[in-house]
C-alpha atoms as a PDB file:
ATOM      1  CA  MET A   1     -12.172  18.956  -9.281  1.00  0.00           C
ATOM      2  CA  THR A   2     -12.459  15.326 -10.286  1.00  0.00           C
ATOM      3  CA  SER A   3     -14.843  12.802  -8.780  1.00  0.00           C
ATOM      4  CA  ASN A   4     -13.688  10.273  -6.225  1.00  0.00           C
ATOM      5  CA  ILE A   5     -13.975   7.489  -8.815  1.00  0.00           C
ATOM      6  CA  GLU A   6     -11.697   9.354 -11.216  1.00  0.00           C
ATOM      7  CA  ASP A   7      -9.194   9.957  -8.409  1.00  0.00           C
ATOM      8  CA  ARG A   8      -9.248   6.283  -7.399  1.00  0.00           C
ATOM      9  CA  ILE A   9      -8.535   5.224 -10.982  1.00  0.00           C
ATOM     10  CA  ALA A  10      -5.782   7.841 -11.313  1.00  0.00           C
ATOM     11  CA  VAL A  11      -4.133   6.759  -8.045  1.00  0.00           C
ATOM     12  CA  GLN A  12      -4.267   3.079  -9.041  1.00  0.00           C
ATOM     13  CA  ASP A  13      -2.797   4.020 -12.436  1.00  0.00           C
ATOM     14  CA  VAL A  14       0.186   5.595 -10.653  1.00  0.00           C
ATOM     15  CA  MET A  15       0.899   2.242  -9.011  1.00  0.00           C
ATOM     16  CA  LEU A  16       0.425   0.356 -12.282  1.00  0.00           C
ATOM     17  CA  ARG A  17       2.812   2.754 -14.029  1.00  0.00           C
ATOM     18  CA  TYR A  18       5.196   2.224 -11.112  1.00  0.00           C
ATOM     19  CA  ALA A  19       5.303  -1.532 -11.768  1.00  0.00           C
ATOM     20  CA  GLU A  20       5.462  -1.043 -15.539  1.00  0.00           C
ATOM     21  CA  SER A  21       8.319   1.442 -15.379  1.00  0.00           C
ATOM     22  CA  VAL A  22      10.354  -0.770 -13.031  1.00  0.00           C
ATOM     23  CA  ASP A  23       9.835  -3.898 -15.150  1.00  0.00           C
ATOM     24  CA  ASP A  24      10.511  -2.060 -18.433  1.00  0.00           C
ATOM     25  CA  LYS A  25      13.449  -0.162 -16.928  1.00  0.00           C
ATOM     26  CA  ASP A  26      11.778   3.053 -18.065  1.00  0.00           C
ATOM     27  CA  TYR A  27      14.006   5.296 -15.963  1.00  0.00           C
ATOM     28  CA  ASP A  28      12.412   8.595 -17.015  1.00  0.00           C
ATOM     29  CA  GLY A  29       8.904   7.204 -16.546  1.00  0.00           C
ATOM     30  CA  TYR A  30       9.794   5.947 -13.082  1.00  0.00           C
ATOM     31  CA  ARG A  31      11.319   9.240 -12.004  1.00  0.00           C
ATOM     32  CA  ALA A  32       8.267  11.154 -13.240  1.00  0.00           C
ATOM     33  CA  LEU A  33       6.013   9.320 -10.766  1.00  0.00           C
ATOM     34  CA  PHE A  34       7.562  11.052  -7.737  1.00  0.00           C
ATOM     35  CA  VAL A  35       7.659  14.534  -6.255  1.00  0.00           C
ATOM     36  CA  GLU A  36      11.200  15.860  -5.880  1.00  0.00           C
ATOM     37  CA  ASP A  37      11.037  15.839  -2.063  1.00  0.00           C
ATOM     38  CA  VAL A  38       9.798  12.235  -1.811  1.00  0.00           C
ATOM     39  CA  GLU A  39      10.502  10.216   1.323  1.00  0.00           C
ATOM     40  CA  VAL A  40      11.315   6.519   0.721  1.00  0.00           C
ATOM     41  CA  VAL A  41      11.287   4.021   3.576  1.00  0.00           C
ATOM     42  CA  GLY A  42      12.113   0.323   3.720  1.00  0.00           C
ATOM     43  CA  MET A  43      14.137   0.005   0.535  1.00  0.00           C
ATOM     44  CA  GLY A  44      17.591   0.810   1.864  1.00  0.00           C
ATOM     45  CA  ALA A  45      19.141   0.545   5.303  1.00  0.00           C
ATOM     46  CA  GLU A  46      17.957   4.069   6.124  1.00  0.00           C
ATOM     47  CA  PRO A  47      15.075   6.239   4.900  1.00  0.00           C
ATOM     48  CA  MET A  48      15.929   8.286   1.812  1.00  0.00           C
ATOM     49  CA  ASN A  49      14.750  11.845   1.275  1.00  0.00           C
ATOM     50  CA  GLY A  50      14.489  13.462  -2.136  1.00  0.00           C
ATOM     51  CA  MET A  51      14.873  12.143  -5.657  1.00  0.00           C
ATOM     52  CA  GLU A  52      18.526  13.271  -5.752  1.00  0.00           C
ATOM     53  CA  THR A  53      19.240  10.658  -3.075  1.00  0.00           C
ATOM     54  CA  PHE A  54      16.679   7.968  -3.911  1.00  0.00           C
ATOM     55  CA  TYR A  55      16.825   7.798  -7.716  1.00  0.00           C
ATOM     56  CA  PRO A  56      20.556   6.933  -8.083  1.00  0.00           C
ATOM     57  CA  TRP A  57      20.192   4.310  -5.347  1.00  0.00           C
ATOM     58  CA  TRP A  58      17.126   2.806  -7.089  1.00  0.00           C
ATOM     59  CA  LYS A  59      18.737   2.795 -10.547  1.00  0.00           C
ATOM     60  CA  GLU A  60      21.836   0.997  -9.253  1.00  0.00           C
ATOM     61  CA  ALA A  61      19.627  -1.530  -7.452  1.00  0.00           C
ATOM     62  CA  ILE A  62      17.348  -2.264 -10.428  1.00  0.00           C
ATOM     63  CA  ASP A  63      20.271  -2.505 -12.866  1.00  0.00           C
ATOM     64  CA  LYS A  64      21.489  -5.584 -10.940  1.00  0.00           C
ATOM     65  CA  TYR A  65      18.678  -7.551 -12.597  1.00  0.00           C
ATOM     66  CA  ASP A  66      18.215  -8.726 -16.171  1.00  0.00           C
ATOM     67  CA  ALA A  67      14.450  -8.689 -15.597  1.00  0.00           C
ATOM     68  CA  THR A  68      11.802  -8.175 -12.935  1.00  0.00           C
ATOM     69  CA  GLN A  69       8.055  -8.671 -12.800  1.00  0.00           C
ATOM     70  CA  HIS A  70       5.956  -6.779 -10.260  1.00  0.00           C
ATOM     71  CA  MET A  71       2.412  -8.114  -9.850  1.00  0.00           C
ATOM     72  CA  LEU A  72       0.173  -5.777  -7.861  1.00  0.00           C
ATOM     73  CA  SER A  73      -3.090  -6.142  -5.994  1.00  0.00           C
ATOM     74  CA  PRO A  74      -5.766  -3.538  -6.534  1.00  0.00           C
ATOM     75  CA  THR A  75      -4.807  -0.361  -4.687  1.00  0.00           C
ATOM     76  CA  LEU A  76      -6.767   0.472  -1.556  1.00  0.00           C
ATOM     77  CA  ALA A  77      -6.940   4.262  -1.362  1.00  0.00           C
ATOM     78  CA  THR A  78      -8.177   6.855   1.103  1.00  0.00           C
ATOM     79  CA  ILE A  79      -8.435  10.158  -0.733  1.00  0.00           C
ATOM     80  CA  SER A  80      -8.984  13.546   0.861  1.00  0.00           C
ATOM     81  CA  GLY A  81      -8.812  16.484  -1.513  1.00  0.00           C
ATOM     82  CA  ASP A  82      -5.342  16.556  -3.058  1.00  0.00           C
ATOM     83  CA  GLU A  83      -3.886  13.915  -0.709  1.00  0.00           C
ATOM     84  CA  ALA A  84      -4.113  10.123  -0.923  1.00  0.00           C
ATOM     85  CA  LYS A  85      -2.929   7.285   1.316  1.00  0.00           C
ATOM     86  CA  THR A  86      -2.693   3.923  -0.405  1.00  0.00           C
ATOM     87  CA  ARG A  87      -1.884   0.283   0.212  1.00  0.00           C
ATOM     88  CA  THR A  88      -0.875  -2.032  -2.630  1.00  0.00           C
ATOM     89  CA  ASP A  89       0.322  -5.588  -2.133  1.00  0.00           C
ATOM     90  CA  VAL A  90       3.075  -6.798  -4.458  1.00  0.00           C
ATOM     91  CA  GLN A  91       4.717 -10.029  -5.509  1.00  0.00           C
ATOM     92  CA  ALA A  92       7.923  -9.173  -7.338  1.00  0.00           C
ATOM     93  CA  THR A  93      10.137 -11.671  -9.105  1.00  0.00           C
ATOM     94  CA  HIS A  94      13.757 -10.707  -9.825  1.00  0.00           C
ATOM     95  CA  TYR A  95      16.245 -12.385 -12.157  1.00  0.00           C
ATOM     96  CA  PRO A  96      19.852 -11.431 -11.289  1.00  0.00           C
ATOM     97  CA  LYS A  97      21.988 -10.140 -14.141  1.00  0.00           C
ATOM     98  CA  GLY A  98      23.968 -12.883 -15.890  1.00  0.00           C
ATOM     99  CA  ASP A  99      22.407 -15.645 -13.774  1.00  0.00           C
ATOM    100  CA  SER A 100      19.991 -17.895 -15.676  1.00  0.00           C
ATOM    101  CA  VAL A 101      19.322 -20.109 -12.638  1.00  0.00           C
ATOM    102  CA  THR A 102      18.519 -17.855  -9.651  1.00  0.00           C
ATOM    103  CA  THR A 103      15.086 -16.398  -9.020  1.00  0.00           C
ATOM    104  CA  ILE A 104      14.360 -14.034  -6.121  1.00  0.00           C
ATOM    105  CA  THR A 105      10.731 -13.480  -5.150  1.00  0.00           C
ATOM    106  CA  LEU A 106       9.610 -10.744  -2.774  1.00  0.00           C
ATOM    107  CA  TRP A 107       6.205 -10.518  -1.112  1.00  0.00           C
ATOM    108  CA  ALA A 108       5.515  -7.062   0.252  1.00  0.00           C
ATOM    109  CA  THR A 109       3.138  -4.178   0.736  1.00  0.00           C
ATOM    110  CA  TYR A 110       3.643  -0.685  -0.648  1.00  0.00           C
ATOM    111  CA  LYS A 111       2.273   2.005   1.667  1.00  0.00           C
ATOM    112  CA  THR A 112       2.313   4.965  -0.653  1.00  0.00           C
ATOM    113  CA  ASP A 113       1.189   8.528  -0.015  1.00  0.00           C
ATOM    114  CA  MET A 114       0.421  10.701  -3.014  1.00  0.00           C
ATOM    115  CA  ARG A 115      -0.435  14.302  -3.618  1.00  0.00           C
ATOM    116  CA  ARG A 116      -1.935  16.024  -6.594  1.00  0.00           C
ATOM    117  CA  VAL A 117       0.578  18.325  -8.288  1.00  0.00           C
ATOM    118  CA  ASP A 118      -0.657  20.435 -11.202  1.00  0.00           C
ATOM    119  CA  GLY A 119      -3.600  18.068 -11.624  1.00  0.00           C
ATOM    120  CA  GLU A 120      -1.469  14.912 -11.604  1.00  0.00           C
ATOM    121  CA  TRP A 121      -1.048  12.394  -8.778  1.00  0.00           C
ATOM    122  CA  LYS A 122       2.576  11.958  -7.650  1.00  0.00           C
ATOM    123  CA  ILE A 123       4.198   9.751  -5.008  1.00  0.00           C
ATOM    124  CA  SER A 124       5.232  11.841  -1.990  1.00  0.00           C
ATOM    125  CA  ARG A 125       6.074   9.007   0.427  1.00  0.00           C
ATOM    126  CA  HIS A 126       6.775   5.407  -0.523  1.00  0.00           C
ATOM    127  CA  GLU A 127       7.254   2.647   2.033  1.00  0.00           C
ATOM    128  CA  LEU A 128       8.091  -0.983   1.308  1.00  0.00           C
ATOM    129  CA  VAL A 129       6.925  -3.375   4.032  1.00  0.00           C
ATOM    130  CA  SER A 130       8.527  -6.756   3.347  1.00  0.00           C
ATOM    131  CA  ARG A 131       6.361  -9.803   4.052  1.00  0.00           C
ATOM    132  CA  GLY A 132       8.893 -12.407   2.944  1.00  0.00           C
ATOM    133  CA  MET A 133      11.514 -13.338   0.391  1.00  0.00           C
ATOM    134  CA  GLN A 134      12.544 -16.521  -1.343  1.00  0.00           C
ATOM    135  CA  LYS A 135      15.695 -17.170  -3.334  1.00  0.00           C
ATOM    136  CA  LEU A 136      15.799 -20.221  -5.607  1.00  0.00           C
ATOM    137  CA  PRO A 137      17.608 -22.468  -6.153  1.00  0.00           C
END
């Protein structure tokens, strides 16, 4: 069993790897952050259940951008044994593919549940709560 401090660092690292894998378009790294039966809320019109449903949707969505940058707040985590509930605020800038003028900025909160699987923290539920969006110009 790890200490609470080690768990807090590990949980925050999951969120940092989340942002890194999205921005680097590290598809395998992104997929590895989730349990197979993940529930995703707030990203599409309806909740998505399971990586077989969510991952293709996410890949198509992220491939619409030449680049993104996800800047995260520190992760607030409540950890109980092998379960964690987290909140991470995000400001994400998106640059549409083939468009050198438009910038889309999203302000949001990730409410992310994790569970420890074989000693590693994985995302089991991921909710995007939009706070606002701006499209320039």
